[in-house]
Every structure is written in C-alpha cells, then in structure tokens.
PDB file of N, CA and C in Angstrom:
ATOM      1  N   UNK A   1      27.130 -10.488  13.664  1.00  0.00           N
ATOM      2  CA  UNK A   1      26.215  -9.695  14.502  1.00  0.00           C
ATOM      3  C   UNK A   1      24.839 -10.297  14.555  1.00  0.00           C
ATOM      4  N   UNK A   2      24.174 -10.333  15.727  1.00  0.00           N
ATOM      5  CA  UNK A   2      22.922 -11.024  15.741  1.00  0.00           C
ATOM      6  C   UNK A   2      22.004 -10.014  16.218  1.00  0.00           C
ATOM      7  N   UNK A   3      20.803  -9.873  15.636  1.00  0.00           N
ATOM      8  CA  UNK A   3      19.911  -8.778  16.042  1.00  0.00           C
ATOM      9  C   UNK A   3      18.569  -9.813  16.432  1.00  0.00           C
ATOM     10  N   UNK A   4      18.126  -9.411  17.679  1.00  0.00           N
ATOM     11  CA  UNK A   4      16.877 -10.038  18.349  1.00  0.00           C
ATOM     12  C   UNK A   4      15.865  -9.019  18.571  1.00  0.00           C
ATOM     13  N   UNK A   5      14.796  -9.679  18.747  1.00  0.00           N
ATOM     14  CA  UNK A   5      13.518  -8.792  19.196  1.00  0.00           C
ATOM     15  C   UNK A   5      13.267  -8.998  20.614  1.00  0.00           C
ATOM     16  N   UNK A   6      13.349  -7.940  21.524  1.00  0.00           N
ATOM     17  CA  UNK A   6      13.198  -8.021  22.904  1.00  0.00           C
ATOM     18  C   UNK A   6      11.734  -7.920  23.309  1.00  0.00           C
ATOM     19  N   UNK A   7      10.830  -7.376  22.603  1.00  0.00           N
ATOM     20  CA  UNK A   7       9.431  -7.336  22.969  1.00  0.00           C
ATOM     21  C   UNK A   7       8.558  -7.254  21.435  1.00  0.00           C
ATOM     22  N   UNK A   8       7.325  -7.512  21.663  1.00  0.00           N
ATOM     23  CA  UNK A   8       6.569  -7.237  20.563  1.00  0.00           C
ATOM     24  C   UNK A   8       6.315  -5.893  20.041  1.00  0.00           C
ATOM     25  N   UNK A   9       6.260  -5.730  18.804  1.00  0.00           N
ATOM     26  CA  UNK A   9       6.222  -4.231  18.152  1.00  0.00           C
ATOM     27  C   UNK A   9       5.226  -4.184  17.094  1.00  0.00           C
ATOM     28  N   UNK A  10       4.754  -3.024  16.929  1.00  0.00           N
ATOM     29  CA  UNK A  10       3.875  -2.819  15.758  1.00  0.00           C
ATOM     30  C   UNK A  10       4.142  -1.274  15.270  1.00  0.00           C
ATOM     31  N   UNK A  11       4.332  -1.226  14.043  1.00  0.00           N
ATOM     32  CA  UNK A  11       4.479   0.192  13.539  1.00  0.00           C
ATOM     33  C   UNK A  11       3.689   0.323  12.317  1.00  0.00           C
ATOM     34  N   UNK A  12       3.257   1.638  12.102  1.00  0.00           N
ATOM     35  CA  UNK A  12       2.444   1.872  10.984  1.00  0.00           C
ATOM     36  C   UNK A  12       3.128   3.250  10.230  1.00  0.00           C
ATOM     37  N   UNK A  13       3.081   3.119   8.829  1.00  0.00           N
ATOM     38  CA  UNK A  13       3.471   4.227   8.182  1.00  0.00           C
ATOM     39  C   UNK A  13       2.555   4.461   6.984  1.00  0.00           C
ATOM     40  N   UNK A  14       2.296   5.741   6.626  1.00  0.00           N
ATOM     41  CA  UNK A  14       1.341   6.029   5.618  1.00  0.00           C
ATOM     42  C   UNK A  14       2.240   6.778   4.543  1.00  0.00           C
ATOM     43  N   UNK A  15       2.379   6.312   3.236  1.00  0.00           N
ATOM     44  CA  UNK A  15       3.090   6.952   2.268  1.00  0.00           C
ATOM     45  C   UNK A  15       2.235   6.957   1.082  1.00  0.00           C
ATOM     46  N   UNK A  16       2.045   8.141   0.582  1.00  0.00           N
ATOM     47  CA  UNK A  16       1.179   8.242  -0.567  1.00  0.00           C
ATOM     48  C   UNK A  16       0.026   7.382  -0.659  1.00  0.00           C
ATOM     49  N   UNK A  17      -0.928   7.587   0.463  1.00  0.00           N
ATOM     50  CA  UNK A  17      -2.172   6.920   0.511  1.00  0.00           C
ATOM     51  C   UNK A  17      -2.210   5.301   0.566  1.00  0.00           C
ATOM     52  N   UNK A  18      -0.875   4.995   0.907  1.00  0.00           N
ATOM     53  CA  UNK A  18      -0.822   3.506   1.276  1.00  0.00           C
ATOM     54  C   UNK A  18      -0.257   3.344   2.625  1.00  0.00           C
ATOM     55  N   UNK A  19      -0.800   2.325   3.264  1.00  0.00           N
ATOM     56  CA  UNK A  19      -0.419   2.041   4.641  1.00  0.00           C
ATOM     57  C   UNK A  19       0.415   0.908   4.759  1.00  0.00           C
ATOM     58  N   UNK A  20       1.655   1.126   5.563  1.00  0.00           N
ATOM     59  CA  UNK A  20       2.415   0.019   5.740  1.00  0.00           C
ATOM     60  C   UNK A  20       2.502  -0.294   7.041  1.00  0.00           C
ATOM     61  N   UNK A  21       2.319  -1.598   7.579  1.00  0.00           N
ATOM     62  CA  UNK A  21       2.310  -2.037   8.934  1.00  0.00           C
ATOM     63  C   UNK A  21       3.287  -3.128   9.037  1.00  0.00           C
ATOM     64  N   UNK A  22       4.122  -3.024  10.206  1.00  0.00           N
ATOM     65  CA  UNK A  22       5.059  -3.900  10.456  1.00  0.00           C
ATOM     66  C   UNK A  22       4.749  -4.453  11.911  1.00  0.00           C
ATOM     67  N   UNK A  23       4.647  -5.944  11.892  1.00  0.00           N
ATOM     68  CA  UNK A  23       4.501  -6.635  13.239  1.00  0.00           C
ATOM     69  C   UNK A  23       5.671  -7.326  13.530  1.00  0.00           C
ATOM     70  N   UNK A  24       6.299  -7.143  14.692  1.00  0.00           N
ATOM     71  CA  UNK A  24       7.414  -8.012  15.185  1.00  0.00           C
ATOM     72  C   UNK A  24       7.057  -8.679  16.339  1.00  0.00           C
ATOM     73  N   UNK A  25       7.397  -9.948  16.421  1.00  0.00           N
ATOM     74  CA  UNK A  25       7.221 -10.892  17.624  1.00  0.00           C
ATOM     75  C   UNK A  25       8.407 -11.759  17.868  1.00  0.00           C
ATOM     76  N   UNK A  26       8.910 -11.852  19.199  1.00  0.00           N
ATOM     77  CA  UNK A  26       9.963 -12.763  19.351  1.00  0.00           C
ATOM     78  C   UNK A  26       9.193 -14.169  19.488  1.00  0.00           C
ATOM     79  N   UNK A  27       9.653 -15.058  18.804  1.00  0.00           N
ATOM     80  CA  UNK A  27       9.290 -16.563  18.826  1.00  0.00           C
ATOM     81  C   UNK A  27      10.453 -17.522  19.154  1.00  0.00           C
ATOM     82  N   UNK A  28      10.081 -18.702  19.565  1.00  0.00           N
ATOM     83  CA  UNK A  28      11.300 -19.585  19.966  1.00  0.00           C
ATOM     84  C   UNK A  28      11.135 -20.851  19.133  1.00  0.00           C
ATOM     85  N   UNK A  29      10.091 -21.001  18.278  1.00  0.00           N
ATOM     86  CA  UNK A  29       9.836 -22.166  17.597  1.00  0.00           C
ATOM     87  C   UNK A  29       9.265 -21.904  16.184  1.00  0.00           C
ATOM     88  N   UNK A  30       9.313 -22.773  15.401  1.00  0.00           N
ATOM     89  CA  UNK A  30       8.945 -22.576  14.047  1.00  0.00           C
ATOM     90  C   UNK A  30       7.166 -22.555  14.077  1.00  0.00           C
ATOM     91  N   UNK A  31       6.794 -23.366  15.103  1.00  0.00           N
ATOM     92  CA  UNK A  31       5.336 -23.605  15.245  1.00  0.00           C
ATOM     93  C   UNK A  31       4.795 -22.133  15.786  1.00  0.00           C
ATOM     94  N   UNK A  32       5.470 -21.502  16.575  1.00  0.00           N
ATOM     95  CA  UNK A  32       5.185 -20.194  17.145  1.00  0.00           C
ATOM     96  C   UNK A  32       5.100 -19.196  15.999  1.00  0.00           C
ATOM     97  N   UNK A  33       6.173 -19.256  15.109  1.00  0.00           N
ATOM     98  CA  UNK A  33       6.167 -18.267  14.035  1.00  0.00           C
ATOM     99  C   UNK A  33       5.112 -18.591  13.036  1.00  0.00           C
ATOM    100  N   UNK A  34       4.809 -19.763  12.781  1.00  0.00           N
ATOM    101  CA  UNK A  34       3.734 -20.048  11.938  1.00  0.00           C
ATOM    102  C   UNK A  34       2.336 -19.584  12.329  1.00  0.00           C
ATOM    103  N   UNK A  35       2.057 -19.622  13.720  1.00  0.00           N
ATOM    104  CA  UNK A  35       0.867 -19.295  14.401  1.00  0.00           C
ATOM    105  C   UNK A  35       0.815 -17.817  14.470  1.00  0.00           C
ATOM    106  N   UNK A  36       1.923 -17.126  14.600  1.00  0.00           N
ATOM    107  CA  UNK A  36       1.882 -15.565  14.548  1.00  0.00           C
ATOM    108  C   UNK A  36       1.563 -15.146  13.198  1.00  0.00           C
ATOM    109  N   UNK A  37       2.147 -15.716  12.282  1.00  0.00           N
ATOM    110  CA  UNK A  37       1.829 -15.260  10.766  1.00  0.00           C
ATOM    111  C   UNK A  37       0.379 -15.441  10.293  1.00  0.00           C
ATOM    112  N   UNK A  38      -0.189 -16.598  10.752  1.00  0.00           N
ATOM    113  CA  UNK A  38      -1.562 -17.030  10.544  1.00  0.00           C
ATOM    114  C   UNK A  38      -2.479 -15.931  11.288  1.00  0.00           C
ATOM    115  N   UNK A  39      -2.055 -15.627  12.460  1.00  0.00           N
ATOM    116  CA  UNK A  39      -2.906 -14.583  13.296  1.00  0.00           C
ATOM    117  C   UNK A  39      -2.859 -13.238  12.554  1.00  0.00           C
ATOM    118  N   UNK A  40      -1.778 -12.893  12.031  1.00  0.00           N
ATOM    119  CA  UNK A  40      -1.722 -11.612  11.318  1.00  0.00           C
ATOM    120  C   UNK A  40      -2.519 -11.615  10.112  1.00  0.00           C
ATOM    121  N   UNK A  41      -2.366 -12.747   9.354  1.00  0.00           N
ATOM    122  CA  UNK A  41      -3.027 -12.792   7.870  1.00  0.00           C
ATOM    123  C   UNK A  41      -4.583 -12.768   8.215  1.00  0.00           C
ATOM    124  N   UNK A  42      -5.124 -13.291   9.308  1.00  0.00           N
ATOM    125  CA  UNK A  42      -6.467 -13.224   9.510  1.00  0.00           C
ATOM    126  C   UNK A  42      -6.947 -11.848   9.891  1.00  0.00           C
ATOM    127  N   UNK A  43      -6.112 -11.067  10.382  1.00  0.00           N
ATOM    128  CA  UNK A  43      -6.508  -9.702  11.149  1.00  0.00           C
ATOM    129  C   UNK A  43      -6.527  -8.642  10.037  1.00  0.00           C
ATOM    130  N   UNK A  44      -5.971  -8.718   8.847  1.00  0.00           N
ATOM    131  CA  UNK A  44      -5.789  -7.799   7.888  1.00  0.00           C
ATOM    132  C   UNK A  44      -6.610  -8.309   6.732  1.00  0.00           C
ATOM    133  N   UNK A  45      -7.593  -7.333   6.139  1.00  0.00           N
ATOM    134  CA  UNK A  45      -8.344  -7.560   5.004  1.00  0.00           C
ATOM    135  C   UNK A  45      -7.567  -7.480   3.599  1.00  0.00           C
ATOM    136  N   UNK A  46      -7.146  -6.280   3.385  1.00  0.00           N
ATOM    137  CA  UNK A  46      -6.444  -6.238   2.076  1.00  0.00           C
ATOM    138  C   UNK A  46      -4.862  -6.007   2.433  1.00  0.00           C
ATOM    139  N   UNK A  47      -4.234  -7.013   1.849  1.00  0.00           N
ATOM    140  CA  UNK A  47      -2.831  -6.960   2.211  1.00  0.00           C
ATOM    141  C   UNK A  47      -1.963  -7.651   1.306  1.00  0.00           C
ATOM    142  N   UNK A  48      -0.700  -7.336   1.482  1.00  0.00           N
ATOM    143  CA  UNK A  48       0.467  -8.127   0.774  1.00  0.00           C
ATOM    144  C   UNK A  48       1.440  -8.275   2.043  1.00  0.00           C
ATOM    145  N   UNK A  49       1.651  -9.672   2.348  1.00  0.00           N
ATOM    146  CA  UNK A  49       2.377 -10.006   3.557  1.00  0.00           C
ATOM    147  C   UNK A  49       3.773 -10.437   3.038  1.00  0.00           C
ATOM    148  N   UNK A  50       4.796  -9.921   3.573  1.00  0.00           N
ATOM    149  CA  UNK A  50       6.265 -10.271   3.404  1.00  0.00           C
ATOM    150  C   UNK A  50       6.743 -10.829   4.538  1.00  0.00           C
ATOM    151  N   UNK A  51       7.147 -12.047   4.485  1.00  0.00           N
ATOM    152  CA  UNK A  51       7.650 -12.904   5.544  1.00  0.00           C
ATOM    153  C   UNK A  51       9.248 -13.286   5.300  1.00  0.00           C
ATOM    154  N   UNK A  52      10.075 -12.971   6.104  1.00  0.00           N
ATOM    155  CA  UNK A  52      11.568 -13.453   5.747  1.00  0.00           C
ATOM    156  C   UNK A  52      11.512 -14.913   5.898  1.00  0.00           C
ATOM    157  N   UNK A  53      12.526 -15.419   5.095  1.00  0.00           N
ATOM    158  CA  UNK A  53      12.797 -16.921   5.303  1.00  0.00           C
ATOM    159  C   UNK A  53      13.194 -17.282   6.566  1.00  0.00           C
ATOM    160  N   UNK A  54      12.761 -18.451   7.191  1.00  0.00           N
ATOM    161  CA  UNK A  54      13.310 -18.804   8.462  1.00  0.00           C
ATOM    162  C   UNK A  54      14.841 -19.274   8.234  1.00  0.00           C
ATOM    163  N   UNK A  55      15.580 -18.881   9.203  1.00  0.00           N
ATOM    164  CA  UNK A  55      16.987 -19.248   9.091  1.00  0.00           C
ATOM    165  C   UNK A  55      17.193 -20.405   9.861  1.00  0.00           C
TER     166      UNK A  55
END
C-alpha cells in the first residue's frame, strides 16, 4: 500500500505545555524535499525536527 500527500498540510497539537507541529508537502524531487525542510527549519525558533529517511 502506498500513501501519498494530496495537498500541503499543517497541524498543531498542544500536549502538557508542549507544542507539536506537523508540516506535510508533496514533493517530486530530493531537491524540493531539501528546500522544504530548510524552509521549515528557518521558520521555527525552538525546535526538534524529525525527518523520515528518503525512500
């Protein structure tokens, strides 16, 4: 089974005073993926970023 992303998506959840933010974006190349990750890293001040490995 393959799961794909139809459109860009952002979700936020606050749990015990911690804020969790999820950004999803459909990309077609590794270069697009790296640019998206870089953009997210610049936009968030205090963060831990988890990126799944490229398959």
